Amino acid sequence: MGRILAIDFGKKRTGIAVTDELQIIASGLTTVTTDNLIDFLKEYISKENVELFIIGKPKQLNNEDSESEALILPFLEKLTKEIPSIPFQRVDERFTSKMAFQTMIDSGLTKKQRQNKSLIDEISATIILQSYLYSK
């Protein structure tokens, strides 16, 4: 089995999380600048066996797509073109940023550490991935 890699896509930064090879545990991997996301993914999959991308789908409370979806759709087209060998699935990402922030508080991080937006993005990607794993 290959790893599953989750993407919490953002305008400036994108959080990345990945499973172990048995697809049991979701772990935060890193946060990359969105401009470098495709290059990062190509490099990562050249070293690791990835069989699926999970990409957050931002929704509003009324279940309509959020404004961020307009930024994600062009990325999905580029991803499909640049890395056609790995399929992707979408997962509802509502409240993941709030859950990530609460996770940071529960973990005992200081206020200064909780202001690290890159860490929030990475934790959000992990929550998206864990949500997918639970649903399997």
C-alpha atoms as a PDB file:
ATOM      1  CA  MET A   1       0.000   0.000   0.000  1.00  0.00           C
ATOM      2  CA  GLY A   2       1.056   3.543  -0.593  1.00  0.00           C
ATOM      3  CA  ARG A   3       0.680   6.603   1.538  1.00  0.00           C
ATOM      4  CA  ILE A   4      -2.249   8.992   1.392  1.00  0.00           C
ATOM      5  CA  LEU A   5      -1.276  12.647   1.289  1.00  0.00           C
ATOM      6  CA  ALA A   6      -3.683  15.382   2.404  1.00  0.00           C
ATOM      7  CA  ILE A   7      -3.612  18.979   1.252  1.00  0.00           C
ATOM      8  CA  ASP A   8      -5.127  21.920   3.130  1.00  0.00           C
ATOM      9  CA  PHE A   9      -4.905  24.379   0.234  1.00  0.00           C
ATOM     10  CA  GLY A  10      -4.499  28.055   1.025  1.00  0.00           C
ATOM     11  CA  LYS A  11      -3.935  31.197  -0.983  1.00  0.00           C
ATOM     12  CA  LYS A  12      -0.435  31.734   0.472  1.00  0.00           C
ATOM     13  CA  ARG A  13       0.400  28.550   2.402  1.00  0.00           C
ATOM     14  CA  THR A  14      -0.696  24.947   2.083  1.00  0.00           C
ATOM     15  CA  GLY A  15      -0.628  22.425   4.897  1.00  0.00           C
ATOM     16  CA  ILE A  16       0.451  18.881   4.090  1.00  0.00           C
ATOM     17  CA  ALA A  17      -0.221  15.704   6.072  1.00  0.00           C
ATOM     18  CA  VAL A  18       0.523  12.093   5.221  1.00  0.00           C
ATOM     19  CA  THR A  19      -0.312   8.598   6.402  1.00  0.00           C
ATOM     20  CA  ASP A  20       2.067   5.797   7.187  1.00  0.00           C
ATOM     21  CA  GLU A  21       2.353   3.105   4.506  1.00  0.00           C
ATOM     22  CA  LEU A  22      -0.370   1.026   6.167  1.00  0.00           C
ATOM     23  CA  GLN A  23      -2.716   4.044   6.031  1.00  0.00           C
ATOM     24  CA  ILE A  24      -3.466   3.880   9.739  1.00  0.00           C
ATOM     25  CA  ILE A  25      -1.959   7.055  11.207  1.00  0.00           C
ATOM     26  CA  ALA A  26      -2.221  10.611   9.878  1.00  0.00           C
ATOM     27  CA  SER A  27       0.725  12.862  10.678  1.00  0.00           C
ATOM     28  CA  GLY A  28       1.479  16.452   9.831  1.00  0.00           C
ATOM     29  CA  LEU A  29       4.283  16.675   7.302  1.00  0.00           C
ATOM     30  CA  THR A  30       4.942  20.337   6.570  1.00  0.00           C
ATOM     31  CA  THR A  31       3.581  23.595   5.253  1.00  0.00           C
ATOM     32  CA  VAL A  32       4.732  24.879   1.880  1.00  0.00           C
ATOM     33  CA  THR A  33       4.141  28.092   0.006  1.00  0.00           C
ATOM     34  CA  THR A  34       1.287  27.502  -2.388  1.00  0.00           C
ATOM     35  CA  ASP A  35       3.407  28.737  -5.302  1.00  0.00           C
ATOM     36  CA  ASN A  36       5.778  25.792  -4.715  1.00  0.00           C
ATOM     37  CA  LEU A  37       3.113  23.177  -4.002  1.00  0.00           C
ATOM     38  CA  ILE A  38       3.253  21.209  -7.275  1.00  0.00           C
ATOM     39  CA  ASP A  39       7.071  21.109  -7.191  1.00  0.00           C
ATOM     40  CA  PHE A  40       6.968  19.910  -3.573  1.00  0.00           C
ATOM     41  CA  LEU A  41       4.464  17.164  -4.448  1.00  0.00           C
ATOM     42  CA  LYS A  42       6.515  15.981  -7.427  1.00  0.00           C
ATOM     43  CA  GLU A  43       9.641  15.779  -5.285  1.00  0.00           C
ATOM     44  CA  TYR A  44       7.816  13.996  -2.456  1.00  0.00           C
ATOM     45  CA  ILE A  45       6.236  11.354  -4.699  1.00  0.00           C
ATOM     46  CA  SER A  46       9.609  10.714  -6.329  1.00  0.00           C
ATOM     47  CA  LYS A  47      10.818   9.504  -2.914  1.00  0.00           C
ATOM     48  CA  GLU A  48       7.652   8.054  -1.377  1.00  0.00           C
ATOM     49  CA  ASN A  49       4.888   5.815  -2.693  1.00  0.00           C
ATOM     50  CA  VAL A  50       1.701   7.933  -2.650  1.00  0.00           C
ATOM     51  CA  GLU A  51      -1.492   6.369  -3.955  1.00  0.00           C
ATOM     52  CA  LEU A  52      -4.046   9.100  -3.239  1.00  0.00           C
ATOM     53  CA  PHE A  53      -4.291  12.831  -2.623  1.00  0.00           C
ATOM     54  CA  ILE A  54      -6.977  14.082  -0.238  1.00  0.00           C
ATOM     55  CA  ILE A  55      -7.842  17.722  -0.805  1.00  0.00           C
ATOM     56  CA  GLY A  56      -9.957  19.790   1.538  1.00  0.00           C
ATOM     57  CA  LYS A  57     -13.242  21.119   0.184  1.00  0.00           C
ATOM     58  CA  PRO A  58     -14.136  24.383   1.913  1.00  0.00           C
ATOM     59  CA  LYS A  59     -17.860  24.682   2.557  1.00  0.00           C
ATOM     60  CA  GLN A  60     -19.995  27.298   4.232  1.00  0.00           C
ATOM     61  CA  LEU A  61     -22.469  26.424   6.968  1.00  0.00           C
ATOM     62  CA  ASN A  62     -25.295  26.337   4.404  1.00  0.00           C
ATOM     63  CA  ASN A  63     -23.316  23.636   2.517  1.00  0.00           C
ATOM     64  CA  GLU A  64     -22.428  25.917  -0.409  1.00  0.00           C
ATOM     65  CA  ASP A  65     -18.843  26.138  -1.617  1.00  0.00           C
ATOM     66  CA  SER A  66     -16.832  28.877   0.059  1.00  0.00           C
ATOM     67  CA  GLU A  67     -14.929  31.565  -1.839  1.00  0.00           C
ATOM     68  CA  SER A  68     -11.711  29.550  -1.465  1.00  0.00           C
ATOM     69  CA  GLU A  69     -13.071  26.880  -3.800  1.00  0.00           C
ATOM     70  CA  ALA A  70     -12.477  29.256  -6.730  1.00  0.00           C
ATOM     71  CA  LEU A  71      -8.740  29.103  -5.914  1.00  0.00           C
ATOM     72  CA  ILE A  72      -8.703  25.334  -5.493  1.00  0.00           C
ATOM     73  CA  LEU A  73     -10.334  24.405  -8.805  1.00  0.00           C
ATOM     74  CA  PRO A  74      -7.460  25.727 -10.988  1.00  0.00           C
ATOM     75  CA  PHE A  75      -5.014  23.917  -8.687  1.00  0.00           C
ATOM     76  CA  LEU A  76      -6.924  20.653  -9.183  1.00  0.00           C
ATOM     77  CA  GLU A  77      -6.710  21.050 -12.957  1.00  0.00           C
ATOM     78  CA  LYS A  78      -2.966  21.667 -12.710  1.00  0.00           C
ATOM     79  CA  LEU A  79      -2.513  18.744 -10.304  1.00  0.00           C
ATOM     80  CA  THR A  80      -4.342  16.387 -12.670  1.00  0.00           C
ATOM     81  CA  LYS A  81      -2.208  17.579 -15.569  1.00  0.00           C
ATOM     82  CA  GLU A  82       1.148  17.523 -13.716  1.00  0.00           C
ATOM     83  CA  ILE A  83       0.627  14.328 -11.681  1.00  0.00           C
ATOM     84  CA  PRO A  84      -1.963  12.280 -13.603  1.00  0.00           C
ATOM     85  CA  SER A  85      -0.904   8.972 -12.039  1.00  0.00           C
ATOM     86  CA  ILE A  86      -2.285   9.813  -8.583  1.00  0.00           C
ATOM     87  CA  PRO A  87      -6.030  10.359  -8.153  1.00  0.00           C
ATOM     88  CA  PHE A  88      -7.542  12.778  -5.673  1.00  0.00           C
ATOM     89  CA  GLN A  89     -10.635  12.873  -3.488  1.00  0.00           C
ATOM     90  CA  ARG A  90     -12.236  15.834  -1.786  1.00  0.00           C
ATOM     91  CA  VAL A  91     -13.104  15.982   1.927  1.00  0.00           C
ATOM     92  CA  ASP A  92     -15.244  18.588   3.687  1.00  0.00           C
ATOM     93  CA  GLU A  93     -12.884  20.812   5.651  1.00  0.00           C
ATOM     94  CA  ARG A  94     -15.366  22.898   7.605  1.00  0.00           C
ATOM     95  CA  PHE A  95     -14.074  23.886  11.033  1.00  0.00           C
ATOM     96  CA  THR A  96     -10.627  22.311  10.562  1.00  0.00           C
ATOM     97  CA  SER A  97      -8.812  25.585  11.289  1.00  0.00           C
ATOM     98  CA  LYS A  98     -10.799  26.029  14.508  1.00  0.00           C
ATOM     99  CA  MET A  99     -10.169  22.402  15.447  1.00  0.00           C
ATOM    100  CA  ALA A 100      -6.463  22.855  14.710  1.00  0.00           C
ATOM    101  CA  PHE A 101      -6.305  25.918  16.933  1.00  0.00           C
ATOM    102  CA  GLN A 102      -8.106  24.069  19.738  1.00  0.00           C
ATOM    103  CA  THR A 103      -5.663  21.173  19.322  1.00  0.00           C
ATOM    104  CA  MET A 104      -2.809  23.633  19.817  1.00  0.00           C
ATOM    105  CA  ILE A 105      -4.400  24.949  23.007  1.00  0.00           C
ATOM    106  CA  ASP A 106      -5.057  21.421  24.282  1.00  0.00           C
ATOM    107  CA  SER A 107      -1.430  20.533  23.560  1.00  0.00           C
ATOM    108  CA  GLY A 108      -0.245  23.290  25.848  1.00  0.00           C
ATOM    109  CA  LEU A 109       1.354  25.492  23.197  1.00  0.00           C
ATOM    110  CA  THR A 110       2.055  29.054  24.250  1.00  0.00           C
ATOM    111  CA  LYS A 111       0.140  31.973  22.780  1.00  0.00           C
ATOM    112  CA  LYS A 112       3.162  32.846  20.638  1.00  0.00           C
ATOM    113  CA  GLN A 113       3.397  29.269  19.317  1.00  0.00           C
ATOM    114  CA  ARG A 114      -0.338  29.285  18.517  1.00  0.00           C
ATOM    115  CA  GLN A 115       0.180  32.327  16.271  1.00  0.00           C
ATOM    116  CA  ASN A 116       2.221  30.179  13.877  1.00  0.00           C
ATOM    117  CA  LYS A 117      -0.164  30.009  10.913  1.00  0.00           C
ATOM    118  CA  SER A 118       1.994  27.390   9.190  1.00  0.00           C
ATOM    119  CA  LEU A 119       1.462  25.033  12.112  1.00  0.00           C
ATOM    120  CA  ILE A 120      -2.298  25.635  11.980  1.00  0.00           C
ATOM    121  CA  ASP A 121      -2.288  24.727   8.261  1.00  0.00           C
ATOM    122  CA  GLU A 122      -0.303  21.549   8.903  1.00  0.00           C
ATOM    123  CA  ILE A 123      -2.598  20.488  11.751  1.00  0.00           C
ATOM    124  CA  SER A 124      -5.640  21.278   9.582  1.00  0.00           C
ATOM    125  CA  ALA A 125      -4.303  18.983   6.848  1.00  0.00           C
ATOM    126  CA  THR A 126      -3.830  16.278   9.473  1.00  0.00           C
ATOM    127  CA  ILE A 127      -7.433  16.697  10.646  1.00  0.00           C
ATOM    128  CA  ILE A 128      -8.675  16.472   7.024  1.00  0.00           C
ATOM    129  CA  LEU A 129      -6.662  13.292   6.524  1.00  0.00           C
ATOM    130  CA  GLN A 130      -7.802  11.769   9.807  1.00  0.00           C
ATOM    131  CA  SER A 131     -11.402  12.551   8.858  1.00  0.00           C
ATOM    132  CA  TYR A 132     -10.913  10.689   5.587  1.00  0.00           C
ATOM    133  CA  LEU A 133      -9.347   7.707   7.373  1.00  0.00           C
ATOM    134  CA  TYR A 134     -12.275   7.533   9.817  1.00  0.00           C
ATOM    135  CA  SER A 135     -14.744   7.551   6.935  1.00  0.00           C
ATOM    136  CA  LYS A 136     -13.073   4.572   5.194  1.00  0.00           C
END
